[in-house]
C-alpha atoms as a PDB file:
ATOM      1  CA  MET A   1     -15.044  11.404  -4.077  1.00  0.00           C
ATOM      2  CA  THR A   2     -16.045   8.436  -1.948  1.00  0.00           C
ATOM      3  CA  VAL A   3     -18.983   6.562  -3.414  1.00  0.00           C
ATOM      4  CA  ASP A   4     -19.035   3.522  -1.139  1.00  0.00           C
ATOM      5  CA  GLY A   5     -17.127   2.887   2.083  1.00  0.00           C
ATOM      6  CA  THR A   6     -19.291   0.200   3.631  1.00  0.00           C
ATOM      7  CA  ASP A   7     -18.348  -2.806   5.760  1.00  0.00           C
ATOM      8  CA  ARG A   8     -19.033  -5.897   3.659  1.00  0.00           C
ATOM      9  CA  THR A   9     -19.173  -8.077   6.813  1.00  0.00           C
ATOM     10  CA  ALA A  10     -21.880  -6.057   8.564  1.00  0.00           C
ATOM     11  CA  ALA A  11     -24.554  -8.637   7.752  1.00  0.00           C
ATOM     12  CA  ALA A  12     -22.449 -11.315   9.426  1.00  0.00           C
ATOM     13  CA  GLY A  13     -22.593  -9.645  12.825  1.00  0.00           C
ATOM     14  CA  GLY A  14     -20.105  -6.769  12.733  1.00  0.00           C
ATOM     15  CA  GLU A  15     -17.044  -6.448  14.919  1.00  0.00           C
ATOM     16  CA  GLY A  16     -17.982  -8.756  17.763  1.00  0.00           C
ATOM     17  CA  ALA A  17     -17.463  -8.386  21.485  1.00  0.00           C
ATOM     18  CA  SER A  18     -14.075  -6.733  21.232  1.00  0.00           C
ATOM     19  CA  GLY A  19     -15.557  -3.590  19.631  1.00  0.00           C
ATOM     20  CA  PRO A  20     -14.478  -1.778  16.494  1.00  0.00           C
ATOM     21  CA  ALA A  21     -10.874  -1.820  15.399  1.00  0.00           C
ATOM     22  CA  PRO A  22      -9.094   1.481  16.062  1.00  0.00           C
ATOM     23  CA  CYS A  23      -8.702   3.813  13.130  1.00  0.00           C
ATOM     24  CA  VAL A  24      -5.061   4.655  12.498  1.00  0.00           C
ATOM     25  CA  LEU A  25      -5.313   6.080   8.986  1.00  0.00           C
ATOM     26  CA  GLU A  26      -7.758   8.665   7.680  1.00  0.00           C
ATOM     27  CA  ALA A  27      -8.262  10.854   4.621  1.00  0.00           C
ATOM     28  CA  ARG A  28     -10.291  14.017   5.154  1.00  0.00           C
ATOM     29  CA  GLY A  29     -11.447  15.879   2.065  1.00  0.00           C
ATOM     30  CA  VAL A  30      -8.282  14.904   0.223  1.00  0.00           C
ATOM     31  CA  GLY A  31      -7.721  16.284  -3.263  1.00  0.00           C
ATOM     32  CA  LYS A  32      -4.751  16.451  -5.615  1.00  0.00           C
ATOM     33  CA  VAL A  33      -4.172  18.900  -8.451  1.00  0.00           C
ATOM     34  CA  TYR A  34      -1.151  18.801 -10.752  1.00  0.00           C
ATOM     35  CA  HIS A  35       0.253  21.706 -12.731  1.00  0.00           C
ATOM     36  CA  PRO A  36       2.063  20.338 -15.796  1.00  0.00           C
ATOM     37  CA  ALA A  37       4.260  22.499 -18.009  1.00  0.00           C
ATOM     38  CA  SER A  38       1.271  23.612 -20.056  1.00  0.00           C
ATOM     39  CA  SER A  39      -1.277  26.104 -18.781  1.00  0.00           C
ATOM     40  CA  ARG A  40      -3.728  23.314 -17.985  1.00  0.00           C
ATOM     41  CA  VAL A  41      -4.453  22.200 -14.434  1.00  0.00           C
ATOM     42  CA  VAL A  42      -5.062  18.459 -13.979  1.00  0.00           C
ATOM     43  CA  VAL A  43      -7.402  17.367 -11.188  1.00  0.00           C
ATOM     44  CA  ALA A  44      -6.308  13.832 -10.258  1.00  0.00           C
ATOM     45  CA  LEU A  45      -8.325  13.377  -7.066  1.00  0.00           C
ATOM     46  CA  ASP A  46     -11.268  15.328  -5.693  1.00  0.00           C
ATOM     47  CA  ARG A  47     -12.450  15.469  -2.066  1.00  0.00           C
ATOM     48  CA  VAL A  48     -11.950  11.923  -0.785  1.00  0.00           C
ATOM     49  CA  SER A  49     -12.874  11.244   2.835  1.00  0.00           C
ATOM     50  CA  GLN A  50     -12.417   7.765   4.273  1.00  0.00           C
ATOM     51  CA  ARG A  51     -11.325   5.962   7.443  1.00  0.00           C
ATOM     52  CA  PHE A  52      -9.020   2.974   6.977  1.00  0.00           C
ATOM     53  CA  GLU A  53      -9.198   0.523   9.864  1.00  0.00           C
ATOM     54  CA  ALA A  54      -7.310  -2.580  10.901  1.00  0.00           C
ATOM     55  CA  GLY A  55      -8.992  -5.962  10.871  1.00  0.00           C
ATOM     56  CA  GLY A  56      -9.713  -6.611   7.199  1.00  0.00           C
ATOM     57  CA  LEU A  57      -8.771  -5.762   3.635  1.00  0.00           C
ATOM     58  CA  HIS A  58      -9.793  -2.289   2.508  1.00  0.00           C
ATOM     59  CA  VAL A  59      -9.993  -2.068  -1.284  1.00  0.00           C
ATOM     60  CA  ILE A  60      -9.970   1.185  -3.233  1.00  0.00           C
ATOM     61  CA  TRP A  61     -11.928   0.235  -6.312  1.00  0.00           C
ATOM     62  CA  GLY A  62     -12.348   1.963  -9.649  1.00  0.00           C
ATOM     63  CA  PRO A  63     -11.302   2.215 -13.289  1.00  0.00           C
ATOM     64  CA  SER A  64      -7.900   3.328 -14.524  1.00  0.00           C
ATOM     65  CA  GLY A  65      -7.461   7.077 -14.112  1.00  0.00           C
ATOM     66  CA  CYS A  66      -9.838   7.460 -11.167  1.00  0.00           C
ATOM     67  CA  GLY A  67      -7.057   8.399  -8.728  1.00  0.00           C
ATOM     68  CA  LYS A  68      -6.390   5.113  -6.914  1.00  0.00           C
ATOM     69  CA  THR A  69      -2.589   5.333  -7.184  1.00  0.00           C
ATOM     70  CA  THR A  70      -2.677   9.026  -6.305  1.00  0.00           C
ATOM     71  CA  LEU A  71      -4.666   8.275  -3.156  1.00  0.00           C
ATOM     72  CA  LEU A  72      -2.231   5.545  -2.082  1.00  0.00           C
ATOM     73  CA  SER A  73       0.676   7.961  -2.535  1.00  0.00           C
ATOM     74  CA  LEU A  74      -1.055  10.501  -0.303  1.00  0.00           C
ATOM     75  CA  LEU A  75      -1.953   7.917   2.348  1.00  0.00           C
ATOM     76  CA  GLY A  76       1.661   6.775   2.531  1.00  0.00           C
ATOM     77  CA  GLY A  77       3.189  10.237   2.656  1.00  0.00           C
ATOM     78  CA  LEU A  78       4.907   9.885  -0.719  1.00  0.00           C
ATOM     79  CA  ASP A  79       3.096  13.040  -1.799  1.00  0.00           C
ATOM     80  CA  MET A  80       1.038  15.730  -0.072  1.00  0.00           C
ATOM     81  CA  PRO A  81      -2.567  16.613  -0.936  1.00  0.00           C
ATOM     82  CA  THR A  82      -3.436  19.937  -2.521  1.00  0.00           C
ATOM     83  CA  THR A  83      -6.542  20.098  -0.338  1.00  0.00           C
ATOM     84  CA  GLY A  84      -7.584  18.227   2.782  1.00  0.00           C
ATOM     85  CA  GLU A  85      -5.333  16.143   4.999  1.00  0.00           C
ATOM     86  CA  VAL A  86      -4.172  12.608   5.771  1.00  0.00           C
ATOM     87  CA  LEU A  87      -3.926  11.638   9.433  1.00  0.00           C
ATOM     88  CA  VAL A  88      -2.141   8.752  11.134  1.00  0.00           C
ATOM     89  CA  ASP A  89      -3.038   8.155  14.773  1.00  0.00           C
ATOM     90  CA  GLY A  90      -4.731  11.555  14.662  1.00  0.00           C
ATOM     91  CA  THR A  91      -1.624  13.414  13.465  1.00  0.00           C
ATOM     92  CA  PRO A  92      -1.763  15.146  10.057  1.00  0.00           C
ATOM     93  CA  LEU A  93       1.152  14.054   7.889  1.00  0.00           C
ATOM     94  CA  ASP A  94       1.695  17.599   6.649  1.00  0.00           C
ATOM     95  CA  ARG A  95       2.695  18.621  10.179  1.00  0.00           C
ATOM     96  CA  LEU A  96       5.664  16.253  10.172  1.00  0.00           C
ATOM     97  CA  SER A  97       9.117  17.552   9.318  1.00  0.00           C
ATOM     98  CA  GLU A  98      10.912  15.970   6.363  1.00  0.00           C
ATOM     99  CA  PRO A  99      13.052  13.751   8.661  1.00  0.00           C
ATOM    100  CA  GLU A 100       9.939  12.694  10.600  1.00  0.00           C
ATOM    101  CA  LEU A 101       8.057  11.945   7.383  1.00  0.00           C
ATOM    102  CA  SER A 102      10.957   9.896   6.040  1.00  0.00           C
ATOM    103  CA  LEU A 103      11.085   7.918   9.290  1.00  0.00           C
ATOM    104  CA  PHE A 104       7.325   7.359   9.136  1.00  0.00           C
ATOM    105  CA  ARG A 105       7.564   5.938   5.620  1.00  0.00           C
ATOM    106  CA  ARG A 106      10.490   3.651   6.466  1.00  0.00           C
ATOM    107  CA  ARG A 107       9.217   2.242   9.724  1.00  0.00           C
ATOM    108  CA  ARG A 108       5.433   2.380   9.661  1.00  0.00           C
ATOM    109  CA  VAL A 109       4.438   1.972   6.009  1.00  0.00           C
ATOM    110  CA  GLY A 110       5.085  -0.833   3.552  1.00  0.00           C
ATOM    111  CA  PHE A 111       4.584  -0.103  -0.145  1.00  0.00           C
ATOM    112  CA  LEU A 112       3.850  -2.701  -2.812  1.00  0.00           C
ATOM    113  CA  PHE A 113       4.057  -0.864  -6.130  1.00  0.00           C
ATOM    114  CA  GLN A 114       2.672  -1.971  -9.508  1.00  0.00           C
ATOM    115  CA  ASN A 115       6.251  -2.427 -10.694  1.00  0.00           C
ATOM    116  CA  SER A 116       8.599  -4.216  -8.324  1.00  0.00           C
ATOM    117  CA  ASN A 117      11.291  -1.498  -8.414  1.00  0.00           C
ATOM    118  CA  LEU A 118      13.873  -4.044  -7.247  1.00  0.00           C
ATOM    119  CA  LEU A 119      17.460  -2.978  -7.908  1.00  0.00           C
ATOM    120  CA  ALA A 120      19.055  -4.867 -10.796  1.00  0.00           C
ATOM    121  CA  GLY A 121      22.210  -6.807  -9.964  1.00  0.00           C
ATOM    122  CA  VAL A 122      21.595  -6.584  -6.203  1.00  0.00           C
ATOM    123  CA  PRO A 123      20.997  -9.785  -4.176  1.00  0.00           C
ATOM    124  CA  LEU A 124      17.433 -10.316  -3.121  1.00  0.00           C
ATOM    125  CA  TRP A 125      18.165 -10.099   0.600  1.00  0.00           C
ATOM    126  CA  ALA A 126      19.774  -6.675   0.116  1.00  0.00           C
ATOM    127  CA  ASN A 127      16.840  -5.473  -1.986  1.00  0.00           C
ATOM    128  CA  VAL A 128      14.344  -6.630   0.612  1.00  0.00           C
ATOM    129  CA  SER A 129      16.194  -4.997   3.528  1.00  0.00           C
ATOM    130  CA  LEU A 130      17.029  -1.724   1.768  1.00  0.00           C
ATOM    131  CA  SER A 131      14.786   0.386   4.028  1.00  0.00           C
ATOM    132  CA  MET A 132      16.839  -0.732   7.040  1.00  0.00           C
ATOM    133  CA  VAL A 133      20.106   0.739   5.741  1.00  0.00           C
ATOM    134  CA  PRO A 134      19.467   4.401   6.744  1.00  0.00           C
ATOM    135  CA  ASP A 135      18.905   3.298  10.345  1.00  0.00           C
ATOM    136  CA  GLY A 136      22.388   1.810  10.594  1.00  0.00           C
ATOM    137  CA  ILE A 137      21.187  -1.765  11.066  1.00  0.00           C
ATOM    138  CA  SER A 138      23.991  -4.273  10.582  1.00  0.00           C
ATOM    139  CA  SER A 139      24.290  -6.350   7.441  1.00  0.00           C
ATOM    140  CA  ALA A 140      23.833  -9.550   9.444  1.00  0.00           C
ATOM    141  CA  SER A 141      20.616  -8.293  11.021  1.00  0.00           C
ATOM    142  CA  ARG A 142      19.308  -7.048   7.685  1.00  0.00           C
ATOM    143  CA  ARG A 143      20.066 -10.376   6.069  1.00  0.00           C
ATOM    144  CA  ALA A 144      18.271 -12.246   8.849  1.00  0.00           C
ATOM    145  CA  ALA A 145      15.197 -10.003   8.634  1.00  0.00           C
ATOM    146  CA  ALA A 146      15.068 -10.330   4.856  1.00  0.00           C
ATOM    147  CA  GLY A 147      15.523 -14.086   5.068  1.00  0.00           C
ATOM    148  CA  ALA A 148      12.596 -14.431   7.453  1.00  0.00           C
ATOM    149  CA  ARG A 149      10.259 -12.512   5.143  1.00  0.00           C
ATOM    150  CA  LEU A 150      11.478 -14.348   2.054  1.00  0.00           C
ATOM    151  CA  ALA A 151      10.857 -17.671   3.803  1.00  0.00           C
ATOM    152  CA  GLU A 152       7.277 -16.647   4.605  1.00  0.00           C
ATOM    153  CA  LEU A 153       6.718 -16.173   0.881  1.00  0.00           C
ATOM    154  CA  GLY A 154       8.410 -19.375  -0.273  1.00  0.00           C
ATOM    155  CA  LEU A 155      11.634 -17.688  -1.408  1.00  0.00           C
ATOM    156  CA  GLU A 156      13.971 -18.900   1.341  1.00  0.00           C
ATOM    157  CA  ASP A 157      16.505 -20.356  -1.102  1.00  0.00           C
ATOM    158  CA  LEU A 158      16.704 -17.279  -3.338  1.00  0.00           C
ATOM    159  CA  GLY A 159      18.221 -14.657  -1.045  1.00  0.00           C
ATOM    160  CA  ASP A 160      21.509 -14.510  -2.942  1.00  0.00           C
ATOM    161  CA  ARG A 161      19.874 -14.385  -6.369  1.00  0.00           C
ATOM    162  CA  THR A 162      19.418 -11.123  -8.254  1.00  0.00           C
ATOM    163  CA  PRO A 163      16.051 -10.004  -9.702  1.00  0.00           C
ATOM    164  CA  GLU A 164      17.204 -10.928 -13.201  1.00  0.00           C
ATOM    165  CA  GLU A 165      17.438 -14.571 -12.139  1.00  0.00           C
ATOM    166  CA  LEU A 166      13.846 -14.787 -10.912  1.00  0.00           C
ATOM    167  CA  SER A 167      10.494 -15.442 -12.532  1.00  0.00           C
ATOM    168  CA  GLY A 168       7.881 -12.701 -12.642  1.00  0.00           C
ATOM    169  CA  GLY A 169       5.947 -14.256  -9.784  1.00  0.00           C
ATOM    170  CA  GLU A 170       9.077 -14.567  -7.651  1.00  0.00           C
ATOM    171  CA  VAL A 171       9.965 -10.924  -8.273  1.00  0.00           C
ATOM    172  CA  HIS A 172       6.478  -9.877  -7.174  1.00  0.00           C
ATOM    173  CA  ARG A 173       6.691 -11.928  -3.980  1.00  0.00           C
ATOM    174  CA  ALA A 174      10.145 -10.473  -3.290  1.00  0.00           C
ATOM    175  CA  ALA A 175       8.671  -6.985  -3.611  1.00  0.00           C
ATOM    176  CA  LEU A 176       6.019  -7.972  -1.066  1.00  0.00           C
ATOM    177  CA  ALA A 177       8.749  -9.256   1.272  1.00  0.00           C
ATOM    178  CA  ARG A 178      10.456  -5.863   0.969  1.00  0.00           C
ATOM    179  CA  ALA A 179       7.197  -4.106   1.879  1.00  0.00           C
ATOM    180  CA  LEU A 180       6.864  -6.264   5.003  1.00  0.00           C
ATOM    181  CA  VAL A 181      10.458  -6.415   6.228  1.00  0.00           C
ATOM    182  CA  ARG A 182       9.980  -3.667   8.871  1.00  0.00           C
ATOM    183  CA  ASP A 183       6.703  -5.194  10.107  1.00  0.00           C
ATOM    184  CA  PRO A 184       4.821  -2.006   9.185  1.00  0.00           C
ATOM    185  CA  ASP A 185       1.547  -0.889  10.752  1.00  0.00           C
ATOM    186  CA  ILE A 186       0.217   0.093   7.322  1.00  0.00           C
ATOM    187  CA  LEU A 187       0.545  -1.761   4.018  1.00  0.00           C
ATOM    188  CA  LEU A 188      -0.391  -0.007   0.766  1.00  0.00           C
ATOM    189  CA  ALA A 189      -0.604  -2.232  -2.318  1.00  0.00           C
ATOM    190  CA  ASP A 190      -1.140  -0.847  -5.821  1.00  0.00           C
ATOM    191  CA  GLU A 191      -2.768  -3.341  -8.231  1.00  0.00           C
ATOM    192  CA  PRO A 192      -1.041  -6.315  -6.518  1.00  0.00           C
ATOM    193  CA  THR A 193      -2.553  -8.900  -8.883  1.00  0.00           C
ATOM    194  CA  SER A 194      -2.256  -7.065 -12.195  1.00  0.00           C
ATOM    195  CA  GLN A 195       1.004  -8.544 -13.523  1.00  0.00           C
ATOM    196  CA  ILE A 196       1.045 -12.071 -12.104  1.00  0.00           C
ATOM    197  CA  ASP A 197      -0.729 -15.341 -12.816  1.00  0.00           C
ATOM    198  CA  GLU A 198      -3.761 -16.612 -10.943  1.00  0.00           C
ATOM    199  CA  ALA A 199      -1.821 -18.865  -8.568  1.00  0.00           C
ATOM    200  CA  ASN A 200       0.593 -16.108  -7.526  1.00  0.00           C
ATOM    201  CA  ALA A 201      -2.284 -13.643  -7.225  1.00  0.00           C
ATOM    202  CA  ALA A 202      -4.119 -15.973  -4.850  1.00  0.00           C
ATOM    203  CA  GLY A 203      -0.966 -16.363  -2.761  1.00  0.00           C
ATOM    204  CA  VAL A 204      -0.386 -12.616  -2.527  1.00  0.00           C
ATOM    205  CA  MET A 205      -3.999 -11.953  -1.548  1.00  0.00           C
ATOM    206  CA  ALA A 206      -3.838 -14.655   1.126  1.00  0.00           C
ATOM    207  CA  VAL A 207      -0.825 -12.912   2.677  1.00  0.00           C
ATOM    208  CA  LEU A 208      -2.538  -9.504   2.573  1.00  0.00           C
ATOM    209  CA  ASP A 209      -5.705 -10.908   4.126  1.00  0.00           C
ATOM    210  CA  ARG A 210      -3.740 -12.618   6.899  1.00  0.00           C
ATOM    211  CA  LEU A 211      -1.923  -9.376   7.713  1.00  0.00           C
ATOM    212  CA  ALA A 212      -5.178  -7.426   7.822  1.00  0.00           C
ATOM    213  CA  ARG A 213      -6.767  -9.939  10.164  1.00  0.00           C
ATOM    214  CA  ALA A 214      -3.668  -9.774  12.365  1.00  0.00           C
ATOM    215  CA  GLY A 215      -4.285  -6.071  13.009  1.00  0.00           C
ATOM    216  CA  LYS A 216      -2.481  -4.290  10.193  1.00  0.00           C
ATOM    217  CA  VAL A 217      -4.109  -1.561   8.120  1.00  0.00           C
ATOM    218  CA  VAL A 218      -4.050  -3.005   4.592  1.00  0.00           C
ATOM    219  CA  VAL A 219      -5.233  -0.793   1.735  1.00  0.00           C
ATOM    220  CA  VAL A 220      -5.290  -2.246  -1.782  1.00  0.00           C
ATOM    221  CA  ALA A 221      -5.949  -0.254  -4.963  1.00  0.00           C
ATOM    222  CA  SER A 222      -7.396  -2.444  -7.689  1.00  0.00           C
ATOM    223  CA  HIS A 223      -9.867  -2.879 -10.514  1.00  0.00           C
ATOM    224  CA  ASP A 224      -9.669  -6.699 -10.221  1.00  0.00           C
ATOM    225  CA  ARG A 225     -12.982  -8.272  -9.180  1.00  0.00           C
ATOM    226  CA  PHE A 226     -11.097 -11.124  -7.490  1.00  0.00           C
ATOM    227  CA  VAL A 227      -9.519  -8.541  -5.173  1.00  0.00           C
ATOM    228  CA  ARG A 228     -12.823  -6.800  -4.541  1.00  0.00           C
ATOM    229  CA  GLU A 229     -14.450 -10.069  -3.510  1.00  0.00           C
ATOM    230  CA  ALA A 230     -11.735 -10.539  -0.871  1.00  0.00           C
ATOM    231  CA  ALA A 231     -12.376  -7.112   0.661  1.00  0.00           C
ATOM    232  CA  ARG A 232     -13.998  -6.368   3.965  1.00  0.00           C
ATOM    233  CA  TRP A 233     -14.391  -2.697   3.094  1.00  0.00           C
ATOM    234  CA  VAL A 234     -14.668  -1.152  -0.366  1.00  0.00           C
ATOM    235  CA  THR A 235     -14.184   2.507  -1.234  1.00  0.00           C
ATOM    236  CA  GLU A 236     -15.300   3.126  -4.791  1.00  0.00           C
ATOM    237  CA  LEU A 237     -13.829   6.008  -6.770  1.00  0.00           C
ATOM    238  CA  LYS A 238     -15.269   7.368  -9.969  1.00  0.00           C
ATOM    239  CA  SER A 239     -13.002   8.977 -12.525  1.00  0.00           C
ATOM    240  CA  THR A 240     -12.202  12.538 -11.463  1.00  0.00           C
ATOM    241  CA  ARG A 241      -9.201  13.223 -13.671  1.00  0.00           C
ATOM    242  CA  ARG A 242      -9.871  16.241 -15.813  1.00  0.00           C
ATOM    243  CA  ALA A 243      -7.961  19.136 -17.324  1.00  0.00           C
ATOM    244  CA  ILE A 244      -8.900  22.733 -16.606  1.00  0.00           C
ATOM    245  CA  GLY A 245      -7.733  25.504 -18.889  1.00  0.00           C
ATOM    246  CA  GLY A 246      -6.112  25.189 -22.263  1.00  0.00           C
END
């Protein structure tokens, strides 16, 4: 359920002369129900409707278990809703074929997960450019693209290092570089400040804010008040997770 989807900058004068930013991502009545091995049915998300626009940070706010991660997965096409639909540029994701959906995720969406999910023993540049491999992009081009993103995040000298050789903050920034390497239209970040120190958190949020202001759709799931204060739009979720049956 959507409790609050307001524009926090409305009092400052709204969008300005250029008009509202175009909506490229939308959830309409989205719900998700899981059927575990037991006879119980678990409702993880219930009837969320929200437009996600470019031009500012959009934060999905709420306590643990309210469905924030589930909603991000649905918005990025990692999973499909049980009810409702997710649309990108007016096209429902559930109408895409599997190859089309895979292409959409690789080229148009960047994911920043709670855990970095970097491959152990693999150089950072190869980790960052992994999504480019299925498209047959040369190693040299992948390395150059990864190097550019790593440099933006202060990691230009670490491209040949493996994740095991990095600090926690460096790993997190490398994961952000991976999310951005294809210059995606949409960036989905799950609790981006939860496992890093204050300085790294401020740096990550500055990057996300800059991307949003540059015209990307940036959606951040968080229960961190520092993140909420940086938001232009806030969608608040209350806990909907419940078990039905027994």
